[in-house]
Every structure is written in structure tokens, then in C-alpha cells.
């Protein structure tokens, strides 16, 4: 019996793999109407998730069978590598249609994925209004407010009434504008005067002037603001939308919370990748050369760090030969030192990135991390001392190793929490360099402290 089912199913997360199996069976049996019927019941995000788990040919079939009215939404929900593969096989005319149905910020993201010849052809063949909007947004850096914003902004002149504002909102909706949270009040030079929430606009008397109900104390974002700072502003002030202005305070666009959710996910993935030493590589990256190039430099750095550790061991060769028990606990000391260092650095790096931790409070934060590490180190040292005594029956050995442990933990906390601050002051990315640097430093320094204390106490 075929695994395909006649009843359409929504692609909720638990049924995703089952849906992929159903789609494959339908395609194999050439039951294309069943595929179309199933896809018509699904949200674009569900279709995109479904396509991600299919093979290349199956993915193309599913996209072609998706209703043209939602194909543009499906394309936006896909990961960039999958978007590029779909765009490579689409005709210029179809790409132009998709771009026309997207909001300007999403359309710009799609155009940026096209190769240079295709991009030029598509821009030249697009309607003049679409082309001018795309060229304007492409001129901004991708990771700035200008690169994030959409140009679709509902505005009303300052000398107009509430009735006029409502008509502007109605016209914008008829033209397909989405996520209209505010209408912005401007003068004849497009200088931003304030904003009016849609609910306030609808409740106000129709004859009232828009100047009487506008909010002129709104949060405004400059177009060259970094996207990470924009995300922090949205988080700090609980914004759902914010206007973008140029140097003359002229309104040029707006950013909405859905854009910021994507930025936060992107920044989090980037920070995790950097701290793991994989740099520019992404989870969806399929290019082997990019993956190798991203990981190799940090592996080379780790290699030299471990060679430093080997050199330290060679300097204590005599002690290790006569006091072999010291060697038993080297992995324990190094592992705990690394964990403490990475814990501290992760907290500080993330705090610096989100704005929760500021450089001018460096000593307070470092002091806090050292105190926490000291308490934890003391507890671990007592436990380790008891384990060593029960194992070897010698309090002196237990005390020496325990003192070494608490010393190494404190130094690791100091290095782990201080390094991100120092890297930031040197205009280096703490997320990129902190992890590998701390691991290497803790291995060498921690090993040196451990061998110095234990060899001097036990010799």
C-alpha cells in the first residue's frame, strides 16, 4: 500500500517527515493534483520547511506546483543556499514577477543573491518604480538600518486631517502594503514630525488635525546604524516598528519587528560560529572550501597552543617522572580550567553584543566572575581533595592538587572575563577571537600553575 494519503495535512512540526514522505510518493506516482491540493492547504513557511528536506529535483517540482500567489513568500522563507538554487533555474520574467510581489526589503535581499549578469538583466527589465527602489536599497550596506528597512511607509502631510490619514492607510492596503502599525506625519520636505498609531487614528474625530494626535517622542533610527544596534534598540524599547531617517531627519523607510527577529537569529548564529572558531561558516553552508577556510586558522592556533603545553610538560619532566601521580590529574585540571574560562567569556561576549554589559563596567564584571569562580573552585577543590585522599590515602597530595585547582580556576575566570573587554578595546571582535585565545591561554597557563604548585609542594 502506498504511503501517500488522500487527505491533505498541515505541515506541523511533528508531521514534517511524514509529509515529505507523502510528497515523494505523490511525485513518484505522478499524482501532481494531490501535491497541489496539499500545498494549497499549507502556509508558505510550512512549504519552505517541507522543501528543505527534499532532494533538489523534488524541491523544484514542489516550488513549481505551489500557487503563484504565494511563491514569493515561500522563496523568502527558504535558506539562502536553497534560494540561490531556485533562482538559478527561474526565467528572468518569473524573477521579476516575484520581486514585484515582495516588499522592497525582501526584494532587495533576493536581488542580492543573483549573479551580476542576471541582476543587471532583471533590474533593466523591471518597472521603473521597482528598479529605482531596488537600486536605492542595494546602495546601503547589508548590515545597516538602510539595508534592513523597507521603503513602503504610510505618510500624511502635517496640514491634513484624520480623515486624510485614514484614506492614506486604506490606499496603502489596497496596494498590498503589510504590517502597517503607524502612519507617519511629514512636512513638504519629507521631514519627520511624528507618528500616529493606527488605533489612535481610527478612534480620533475625522475632522481633527493629525498634528493634534501625533506622537513626536518616538524612537528614530539613522540609516547607517549597525543592524545589531538596531536590534538592541528594538529590544530595549519593546518596539514593533521604527522609522528610518537620513542626516536631515527626512523619512526614508521603516523597520518592523519581523526584520529584527531575523537579525537576532543571524547575529546569534554568527556569534556561536565565531566562538566555536568557524568564523564565516553557516549551518547551511555546503561549500567545502569555505568550510575548510573558516575552520583551519583556529585549528592551527589550537595546534600551536597545545605545542606550548607540550613545552611546559617538558620543563617538568623530572617531577613527572618521580611524582607520576601528578600526571593523573592533568586532564582534570585543564578541562575544568577550560570550562570556567569559556563560561566567563561566553557571558561577557554575549553581554557586550546585546548591550547588557558595558565596557565602562569592566572591573565590576570581571570581579563578579572571579568571585563566582572562586566559590565554585573552592567547592570543587574540597571534593577533589577528598577523592585524592580516598584514592591515594595521602592528605598532602590531595591538598597540593586542590590548591592547584582553585588557583587555576581563578586565573581562568580572570582570563575568560577580561579577554573580551580587551579585544573590544583593541577594536577586535570578541566573539571571533575570545574562544580560541582563551582555550590556548588556559591550557598553557593552567598547566604551568598546576605543575609549579604540585611539584614544589610534593618534591
Protein backbone atom coordinates (compact mmCIF):
# COMPACT_ATOMS: atom_id res chain seq x y z
CA UNK A 1 0.00 0.00 0.00
CA UNK A 2 1.30 3.47 -0.86
CA UNK A 3 2.36 5.77 1.97
CA UNK A 4 0.58 8.60 0.21
CA UNK A 5 -2.64 9.73 1.80
CA UNK A 6 -5.57 11.33 0.08
CA UNK A 7 -6.41 13.77 2.88
CA UNK A 8 -4.42 16.99 2.99
CA UNK A 9 -2.38 17.51 6.14
CA UNK A 10 -0.93 20.67 7.64
CA UNK A 11 2.86 20.60 7.96
CA UNK A 12 3.02 20.99 11.72
CA UNK A 13 6.44 20.20 13.11
CA UNK A 14 5.73 16.61 14.31
CA UNK A 15 4.37 15.61 10.85
CA UNK A 16 7.05 17.21 8.69
CA UNK A 17 8.92 13.98 7.89
CA UNK A 18 5.63 12.20 7.17
CA UNK A 19 4.64 15.00 4.79
CA UNK A 20 7.95 14.73 2.96
CA UNK A 21 7.34 11.01 2.52
CA UNK A 22 3.82 11.70 1.24
CA UNK A 23 5.08 14.31 -1.24
CA UNK A 24 7.77 11.93 -2.53
CA UNK A 25 5.18 9.20 -3.04
CA UNK A 26 2.83 11.57 -4.87
CA UNK A 27 5.63 12.76 -7.14
CA UNK A 28 6.83 9.21 -7.82
CA UNK A 29 3.27 8.17 -8.70
CA UNK A 30 2.81 11.38 -10.78
CA UNK A 31 -0.22 12.35 -8.71
CA UNK A 32 0.52 16.02 -9.20
CA UNK A 33 -3.01 17.24 -8.41
CA UNK A 34 -2.67 15.67 -4.97
CA UNK A 35 0.56 17.60 -4.46
CA UNK A 36 -1.09 20.88 -5.48
CA UNK A 37 -4.09 20.23 -3.23
CA UNK A 38 -1.83 19.51 -0.28
CA UNK A 39 0.33 22.59 -0.89
CA UNK A 40 -2.77 24.81 -1.14
CA UNK A 41 -3.61 23.99 2.48
CA UNK A 42 -0.17 24.95 3.81
CA UNK A 43 1.37 28.18 4.98
CA UNK A 44 4.40 29.44 2.96
CA UNK A 45 6.69 28.84 5.96
CA UNK A 46 5.44 25.25 6.15
CA UNK A 47 6.08 24.72 2.44
CA UNK A 48 9.61 26.10 2.83
CA UNK A 49 10.29 23.76 5.75
CA UNK A 50 8.92 20.87 3.72
CA UNK A 51 11.14 21.71 0.73
CA UNK A 52 14.29 21.87 2.85
CA UNK A 53 14.14 18.13 3.50
CA UNK A 54 13.54 17.15 -0.12
CA UNK A 55 16.02 16.40 -2.89
CA UNK A 56 16.94 19.06 -5.44
CA UNK A 57 14.59 17.82 -8.18
CA UNK A 58 11.73 17.24 -5.74
CA UNK A 59 12.26 20.71 -4.30
CA UNK A 60 11.91 22.28 -7.74
CA UNK A 61 8.77 20.28 -8.50
CA UNK A 62 7.15 21.40 -5.23
CA UNK A 63 8.01 25.04 -5.88
CA UNK A 64 6.59 24.89 -9.41
CA UNK A 65 3.37 23.34 -8.10
CA UNK A 66 2.94 25.95 -5.40
CA UNK A 67 0.39 28.63 -6.22
CA UNK A 68 1.99 31.62 -7.93
CA UNK A 69 0.24 33.88 -5.42
CA UNK A 70 2.42 32.52 -2.58
CA UNK A 71 5.62 31.51 -4.40
CA UNK A 72 7.30 34.77 -3.44
CA UNK A 73 6.50 34.15 0.24
CA UNK A 74 7.86 30.60 0.03
CA UNK A 75 11.08 31.85 -1.56
CA UNK A 76 11.67 34.34 1.26
CA UNK A 77 11.21 31.62 3.91
CA UNK A 78 13.94 29.40 2.43
CA UNK A 79 17.60 29.44 3.49
CA UNK A 80 19.92 31.43 1.21
CA UNK A 81 21.58 28.39 -0.46
CA UNK A 82 18.13 27.00 -1.36
CA UNK A 83 17.01 30.42 -2.58
CA UNK A 84 20.04 30.64 -4.85
CA UNK A 85 19.40 27.20 -6.35
CA UNK A 86 15.79 28.08 -7.13
CA UNK A 87 16.68 31.45 -8.60
CA UNK A 88 19.32 29.86 -10.85
CA UNK A 89 16.64 27.87 -12.66
CA UNK A 90 13.95 30.57 -12.89
CA UNK A 91 13.45 32.67 -16.01
CA UNK A 92 14.11 36.40 -15.69
CA UNK A 93 10.41 37.16 -16.25
CA UNK A 94 9.38 34.96 -13.32
CA UNK A 95 12.01 36.51 -11.06
CA UNK A 96 10.70 39.98 -11.97
CA UNK A 97 7.13 38.90 -11.10
CA UNK A 98 8.29 37.54 -7.74
CA UNK A 99 10.21 40.73 -6.96
CA UNK A 100 7.18 42.86 -7.82
CA UNK A 101 5.06 40.93 -5.28
CA UNK A 102 7.62 41.31 -2.46
CA UNK A 103 8.09 44.27 -0.16
CA UNK A 104 11.14 46.32 -1.08
CA UNK A 105 13.39 44.98 1.71
CA UNK A 106 12.68 41.33 0.84
CA UNK A 107 13.01 42.03 -2.89
CA UNK A 108 16.42 43.60 -2.30
CA UNK A 109 17.59 40.51 -0.40
CA UNK A 110 16.56 38.34 -3.34
CA UNK A 111 18.25 40.57 -5.94
CA UNK A 112 21.46 40.50 -3.89
CA UNK A 113 21.58 36.70 -4.36
CA UNK A 114 21.53 36.92 -8.16
CA UNK A 115 24.76 36.71 -10.14
CA UNK A 116 25.89 40.01 -11.66
CA UNK A 117 24.66 39.40 -15.27
CA UNK A 118 21.25 38.17 -14.13
CA UNK A 119 20.92 41.05 -11.67
CA UNK A 120 21.60 43.60 -14.42
CA UNK A 121 19.08 41.98 -16.77
CA UNK A 122 16.40 41.77 -14.09
CA UNK A 123 16.88 45.37 -12.97
CA UNK A 124 16.78 46.68 -16.52
CA UNK A 125 13.62 44.74 -17.32
CA UNK A 126 11.78 45.70 -14.11
CA UNK A 127 9.27 48.52 -13.91
CA UNK A 128 10.90 51.89 -13.32
CA UNK A 129 9.47 52.28 -9.79
CA UNK A 130 10.63 48.78 -8.77
CA UNK A 131 14.06 49.33 -10.30
CA UNK A 132 14.59 52.67 -8.55
CA UNK A 133 13.58 51.21 -5.17
CA UNK A 134 15.87 48.21 -5.57
CA UNK A 135 18.82 50.31 -6.67
CA UNK A 136 18.29 52.67 -3.72
CA UNK A 137 18.28 49.84 -1.17
CA UNK A 138 21.16 47.96 -2.81
CA UNK A 139 23.32 51.06 -2.27
CA UNK A 140 23.18 50.55 1.52
CA UNK A 141 25.46 48.20 3.45
CA UNK A 142 23.64 44.94 4.09
CA UNK A 143 24.17 45.04 7.87
CA UNK A 144 22.90 48.59 8.43
CA UNK A 145 19.45 50.04 9.09
CA UNK A 146 19.37 51.16 5.45
CA UNK A 147 19.95 47.60 4.33
CA UNK A 148 17.19 46.33 6.65
CA UNK A 149 14.47 48.89 6.00
CA UNK A 150 11.54 48.75 3.61
CA UNK A 151 10.55 51.80 1.61
CA UNK A 152 6.81 51.10 1.95
CA UNK A 153 5.87 53.75 4.53
CA UNK A 154 2.41 55.23 5.00
CA UNK A 155 2.67 59.01 5.40
CA UNK A 156 0.39 62.00 5.69
CA UNK A 157 1.26 65.68 5.44
CA UNK A 158 1.14 67.73 8.63
CA UNK A 159 -1.64 70.02 7.34
CA UNK A 160 -4.04 67.09 6.77
CA UNK A 161 -6.87 65.70 8.88
CA UNK A 162 -7.55 62.31 10.44
CA UNK A 163 -9.87 61.54 7.52
CA UNK A 164 -6.99 62.10 5.09
CA UNK A 165 -4.78 59.79 7.16
CA UNK A 166 -7.37 57.01 7.10
CA UNK A 167 -7.63 57.32 3.35
CA UNK A 168 -3.83 57.02 3.05
CA UNK A 169 -3.91 53.82 5.11
CA UNK A 170 -6.76 52.42 3.00
CA UNK A 171 -4.88 53.19 -0.22
CA UNK A 172 -1.70 51.56 1.12
CA UNK A 173 -3.60 48.36 1.99
CA UNK A 174 -5.14 48.28 -1.48
CA UNK A 175 -1.62 48.41 -2.92
CA UNK A 176 -0.58 45.39 -0.85
CA UNK A 177 1.30 47.10 1.99
CA UNK A 178 1.67 44.82 5.00
CA UNK A 179 2.34 45.36 8.72
CA UNK A 180 1.01 48.91 8.92
CA UNK A 181 1.43 49.80 12.59
CA UNK A 182 1.79 53.57 12.29
CA UNK A 183 1.17 56.41 9.87
CA UNK A 184 3.99 58.94 9.84
CA UNK A 185 3.43 62.70 9.70
CA UNK A 186 5.81 64.67 7.45
CA UNK A 187 6.15 68.15 6.02
CA UNK A 188 6.60 69.06 2.36
CA UNK A 189 10.34 68.31 2.60
CA UNK A 190 9.61 64.80 3.99
CA UNK A 191 10.98 65.87 7.39
CA UNK A 192 9.57 63.55 10.03
CA UNK A 193 7.25 65.29 12.50
CA UNK A 194 5.84 62.32 14.39
CA UNK A 195 3.77 59.18 14.15
CA UNK A 196 0.21 58.11 14.85
CA UNK A 197 -0.74 54.57 15.89
CA UNK A 198 -3.41 53.11 13.63
CA UNK A 199 -5.76 52.51 16.58
CA UNK A 200 -5.45 56.19 17.63
CA UNK A 201 -6.09 57.28 14.06
CA UNK A 202 -9.26 55.19 13.80
CA UNK A 203 -10.65 56.45 17.12
CA UNK A 204 -9.98 60.16 16.56
CA UNK A 205 -12.66 62.52 15.12
CA UNK A 206 -12.40 62.57 11.31
CA UNK A 207 -12.10 66.35 11.16
CA UNK A 208 -9.30 66.59 13.72
CA UNK A 209 -5.83 67.68 12.57
CA UNK A 210 -3.18 64.97 12.54
CA UNK A 211 -0.86 67.36 14.39
CA UNK A 212 -3.15 67.21 17.41
CA UNK A 213 -2.82 63.44 17.90
CA UNK A 214 0.71 62.66 16.69
CA UNK A 215 3.45 61.28 18.93
CA UNK A 216 6.64 63.30 18.46
CA UNK A 217 8.68 61.46 21.11
CA UNK A 218 9.17 58.28 19.09
CA UNK A 219 12.39 56.30 18.68
CA UNK A 220 14.06 57.16 15.37
CA UNK A 221 16.85 55.18 13.69
CA UNK A 222 19.57 56.66 11.49
CA UNK A 223 20.07 54.86 8.19
CA UNK A 224 23.75 53.98 8.82
CA UNK A 225 23.10 52.37 12.25
CA UNK A 226 24.52 48.84 12.53
CA UNK A 227 21.86 46.13 12.46
CA UNK A 228 22.99 44.72 15.81
CA UNK A 229 22.47 48.12 17.42
CA UNK A 230 19.06 48.35 15.74
CA UNK A 231 18.13 45.00 17.29
CA UNK A 232 19.25 46.27 20.71
CA UNK A 233 17.09 49.39 20.30
CA UNK A 234 14.03 47.30 19.41
CA UNK A 235 14.65 45.04 22.41
CA UNK A 236 15.32 47.91 24.85
CA UNK A 237 12.20 49.90 23.94
CA UNK A 238 9.87 46.98 23.03
CA UNK A 239 9.30 48.36 19.53
CA UNK A 240 7.19 46.73 16.83
CA UNK A 241 8.21 49.27 14.15
CA UNK A 242 10.52 52.26 13.84
CA UNK A 243 11.08 54.95 11.20
CA UNK A 244 14.45 55.32 9.46
CA UNK A 245 15.71 58.81 8.66
CA UNK A 246 18.66 60.36 6.86
CA UNK A 247 21.07 63.04 8.09
CA UNK A 248 18.43 65.76 7.51
CA UNK A 249 15.81 63.86 9.54
CA UNK A 250 13.87 63.09 6.36
CA UNK A 251 11.82 59.90 6.49
CA UNK A 252 13.22 57.30 4.08
CA UNK A 253 11.85 53.96 5.33
CA UNK A 254 10.77 51.80 8.23
CA UNK A 255 11.91 48.66 10.03
CA UNK A 256 9.48 46.18 11.60
CA UNK A 257 9.89 43.56 14.30
CA UNK A 258 9.89 40.65 11.82
CA UNK A 259 13.09 42.05 10.31
CA UNK A 260 14.63 42.24 13.79
CA UNK A 261 13.75 38.63 14.63
CA UNK A 262 15.75 37.58 11.57
CA UNK A 263 18.65 39.83 12.62
CA UNK A 264 18.71 38.40 16.15
CA UNK A 265 18.77 34.84 14.80
CA UNK A 266 21.52 35.77 12.34
CA UNK A 267 23.64 37.53 14.99
CA UNK A 268 23.20 34.64 17.45
CA UNK A 269 24.26 32.09 14.81
CA UNK A 270 27.21 34.29 13.85
CA UNK A 271 28.37 34.66 17.47
CA UNK A 272 28.10 30.92 18.12
CA UNK A 273 30.03 30.14 14.93
CA UNK A 274 32.75 32.65 15.81
CA UNK A 275 33.14 31.38 19.38
CA UNK A 276 33.44 27.85 18.01
CA UNK A 277 36.15 29.05 15.63
CA UNK A 278 34.15 28.53 12.44
CA UNK A 279 34.02 32.24 11.51
CA UNK A 280 32.04 32.95 8.35
CA UNK A 281 30.66 29.40 8.01
CA UNK A 282 26.92 28.92 8.48
CA UNK A 283 24.88 25.85 9.41
CA UNK A 284 23.52 25.64 5.86
CA UNK A 285 26.92 26.13 4.23
CA UNK A 286 27.61 23.45 1.64
CA UNK A 287 30.78 24.83 0.04
CA UNK A 288 33.66 22.66 1.27
CA UNK A 289 36.35 25.25 0.56
CA UNK A 290 34.54 27.92 2.59
CA UNK A 291 34.05 25.45 5.44
CA UNK A 292 37.74 24.44 5.42
CA UNK A 293 38.93 28.06 5.19
CA UNK A 294 36.69 29.07 8.10
CA UNK A 295 37.89 26.34 10.47
CA UNK A 296 41.55 25.83 9.60
CA UNK A 297 43.08 29.06 11.06
CA UNK A 298 41.69 28.34 14.52
CA UNK A 299 42.80 24.73 14.39
CA UNK A 300 46.32 25.94 13.56
CA UNK A 301 46.14 28.33 16.52
CA UNK A 302 44.99 25.45 18.74
CA UNK A 303 47.89 23.33 17.46
CA UNK A 304 50.46 25.94 18.50
CA UNK A 305 48.70 26.29 21.84
CA UNK A 306 48.96 22.58 22.52
CA UNK A 307 52.61 22.66 21.45
CA UNK A 308 53.05 25.31 24.14
CA UNK A 309 51.50 22.88 26.61
CA UNK A 310 53.90 20.15 25.47
CA UNK A 311 56.82 22.54 26.08
CA UNK A 312 55.58 23.22 29.64
CA UNK A 313 55.39 19.48 30.31
CA UNK A 314 58.94 19.03 29.07
CA UNK A 315 60.18 21.55 31.63
CA UNK A 316 58.74 19.42 34.44
CA UNK A 317 59.89 16.09 33.06
CA UNK A 318 61.86 15.16 36.19
CA UNK A 319 58.93 15.96 38.52
CA UNK A 320 56.52 13.98 36.37
CA UNK A 321 58.92 11.03 36.36
CA UNK A 322 59.36 10.93 40.13
CA UNK A 323 55.83 12.03 41.05
CA UNK A 324 53.75 10.16 38.50
CA UNK A 325 50.55 10.87 40.46
CA UNK A 326 50.75 14.48 39.27
CA UNK A 327 50.16 13.37 35.69
CA UNK A 328 46.95 11.57 36.59
CA UNK A 329 45.12 14.84 37.26
CA UNK A 330 46.39 16.96 34.35
CA UNK A 331 43.27 16.27 32.20
CA UNK A 332 41.01 17.15 35.16
CA UNK A 333 42.75 20.47 35.82
CA UNK A 334 42.89 21.50 32.15
CA UNK A 335 39.25 20.52 31.47
CA UNK A 336 37.93 22.48 34.45
CA UNK A 337 40.09 25.50 33.57
CA UNK A 338 38.75 25.45 30.02
CA UNK A 339 35.13 25.15 31.17
CA UNK A 340 35.45 28.05 33.59
CA UNK A 341 37.18 30.25 31.01
CA UNK A 342 34.59 29.56 28.32
CA UNK A 343 31.70 30.10 30.77
CA UNK A 344 33.02 33.52 31.76
CA UNK A 345 33.88 34.59 28.21
CA UNK A 346 30.51 33.46 26.83
CA UNK A 347 28.63 35.57 29.38
CA UNK A 348 30.77 38.64 28.69
CA UNK A 349 30.80 38.27 24.88
CA UNK A 350 27.02 37.90 24.73
CA UNK A 351 26.54 40.77 27.18
CA UNK A 352 28.74 43.05 25.10
CA UNK A 353 26.87 42.05 21.94
CA UNK A 354 23.40 42.69 23.41
CA UNK A 355 24.39 45.83 25.31
CA UNK A 356 23.62 44.29 28.72
CA UNK A 357 27.30 44.67 29.67
CA UNK A 358 29.22 47.90 29.04
CA UNK A 359 32.98 48.37 28.75
CA UNK A 360 32.97 51.07 31.42
CA UNK A 361 31.86 48.44 33.96
CA UNK A 362 34.69 46.06 33.09
CA UNK A 363 36.24 45.77 36.56
CA UNK A 364 32.87 45.18 38.22
CA UNK A 365 32.00 42.38 35.78
CA UNK A 366 35.47 40.79 35.94
CA UNK A 367 35.37 40.95 39.74
CA UNK A 368 31.98 39.26 39.81
CA UNK A 369 33.12 36.45 37.54
CA UNK A 370 36.26 35.90 39.65
CA UNK A 371 34.21 35.75 42.88
CA UNK A 372 31.81 33.21 41.35
CA UNK A 373 34.74 31.15 40.04
CA UNK A 374 36.47 31.31 43.45
CA UNK A 375 33.43 29.90 45.26
CA UNK A 376 32.97 27.18 42.67
CA UNK A 377 36.70 26.47 42.71
CA UNK A 378 36.68 26.11 46.48
CA UNK A 379 33.84 23.59 46.38
CA UNK A 380 35.50 21.62 43.57
CA UNK A 381 38.86 21.69 45.37
CA UNK A 382 37.37 20.23 48.54
CA UNK A 383 35.66 17.47 46.56
CA UNK A 384 38.86 16.72 44.64
CA UNK A 385 40.93 16.64 47.84
CA UNK A 386 38.58 14.05 49.35
CA UNK A 387 38.70 11.94 46.16
CA UNK A 388 42.52 12.02 46.10
CA UNK A 389 42.75 11.10 49.78
CA UNK A 390 40.34 8.18 49.41
CA UNK A 391 42.22 7.01 46.34
CA UNK A 392 45.83 7.56 47.40
CA UNK A 393 45.48 7.83 51.19
CA UNK A 394 47.70 10.94 51.32
CA UNK A 395 46.40 14.31 52.51
CA UNK A 396 49.48 16.17 51.23
CA UNK A 397 48.87 15.08 47.65
CA UNK A 398 45.19 15.99 47.95
CA UNK A 399 45.96 19.46 49.35
CA UNK A 400 48.59 20.18 46.67
CA UNK A 401 46.28 19.22 43.80
CA UNK A 402 43.33 21.08 45.36
CA UNK A 403 45.35 24.28 45.79
CA UNK A 404 46.41 23.97 42.19
CA UNK A 405 42.82 23.55 41.07
CA UNK A 406 41.45 26.62 42.84
CA UNK A 407 44.40 28.71 41.60
CA UNK A 408 43.88 27.59 38.00
CA UNK A 409 40.11 28.19 38.20
CA UNK A 410 40.58 31.76 39.47
CA UNK A 411 43.15 32.57 36.77
CA UNK A 412 40.91 31.04 34.10
CA UNK A 413 37.98 33.16 35.23
CA UNK A 414 40.18 36.26 35.14
CA UNK A 415 41.44 35.48 31.63
CA UNK A 416 38.00 34.41 30.36
CA UNK A 417 36.16 37.52 31.57
CA UNK A 418 38.91 40.06 30.87
CA UNK A 419 39.85 38.95 27.34
CA UNK A 420 36.58 40.03 25.60
CA UNK A 421 36.87 43.52 27.11
CA UNK A 422 40.49 43.86 25.97
CA UNK A 423 39.67 42.62 22.47
CA UNK A 424 36.81 45.12 22.21
CA UNK A 425 39.11 47.97 23.29
CA UNK A 426 41.53 46.87 20.54
CA UNK A 427 38.63 47.03 18.01
CA UNK A 428 38.68 43.26 17.55
CA UNK A 429 35.56 41.10 17.51
CA UNK A 430 35.40 39.40 20.95
CA UNK A 431 33.17 36.61 19.60
CA UNK A 432 35.69 35.69 16.90
CA UNK A 433 38.92 35.67 18.94
CA UNK A 434 37.91 35.10 22.57
CA UNK A 435 37.19 31.34 22.41
CA UNK A 436 40.36 30.09 20.71
CA UNK A 437 42.58 32.59 22.56
CA UNK A 438 41.15 31.68 25.98
CA UNK A 439 41.43 27.95 25.31
CA UNK A 440 45.07 28.28 24.28
CA UNK A 441 45.97 30.60 27.17
CA UNK A 442 44.25 28.47 29.80
CA UNK A 443 45.95 25.30 28.57
CA UNK A 444 49.42 26.79 28.83
CA UNK A 445 48.96 28.98 31.92
CA UNK A 446 46.80 26.45 33.76
CA UNK A 447 49.27 23.65 33.15
CA UNK A 448 52.16 25.83 34.33
CA UNK A 449 50.38 26.83 37.56
CA UNK A 450 49.39 23.24 38.29
CA UNK A 451 52.88 21.81 37.79
CA UNK A 452 54.59 24.64 39.70
CA UNK A 453 52.39 24.23 42.80
CA UNK A 454 52.26 20.42 42.89
CA UNK A 455 55.94 19.86 42.12
CA UNK A 456 57.09 22.43 44.71
CA UNK A 457 54.80 21.05 47.44
CA UNK A 458 55.42 17.36 46.78
CA UNK A 459 59.13 17.39 45.94
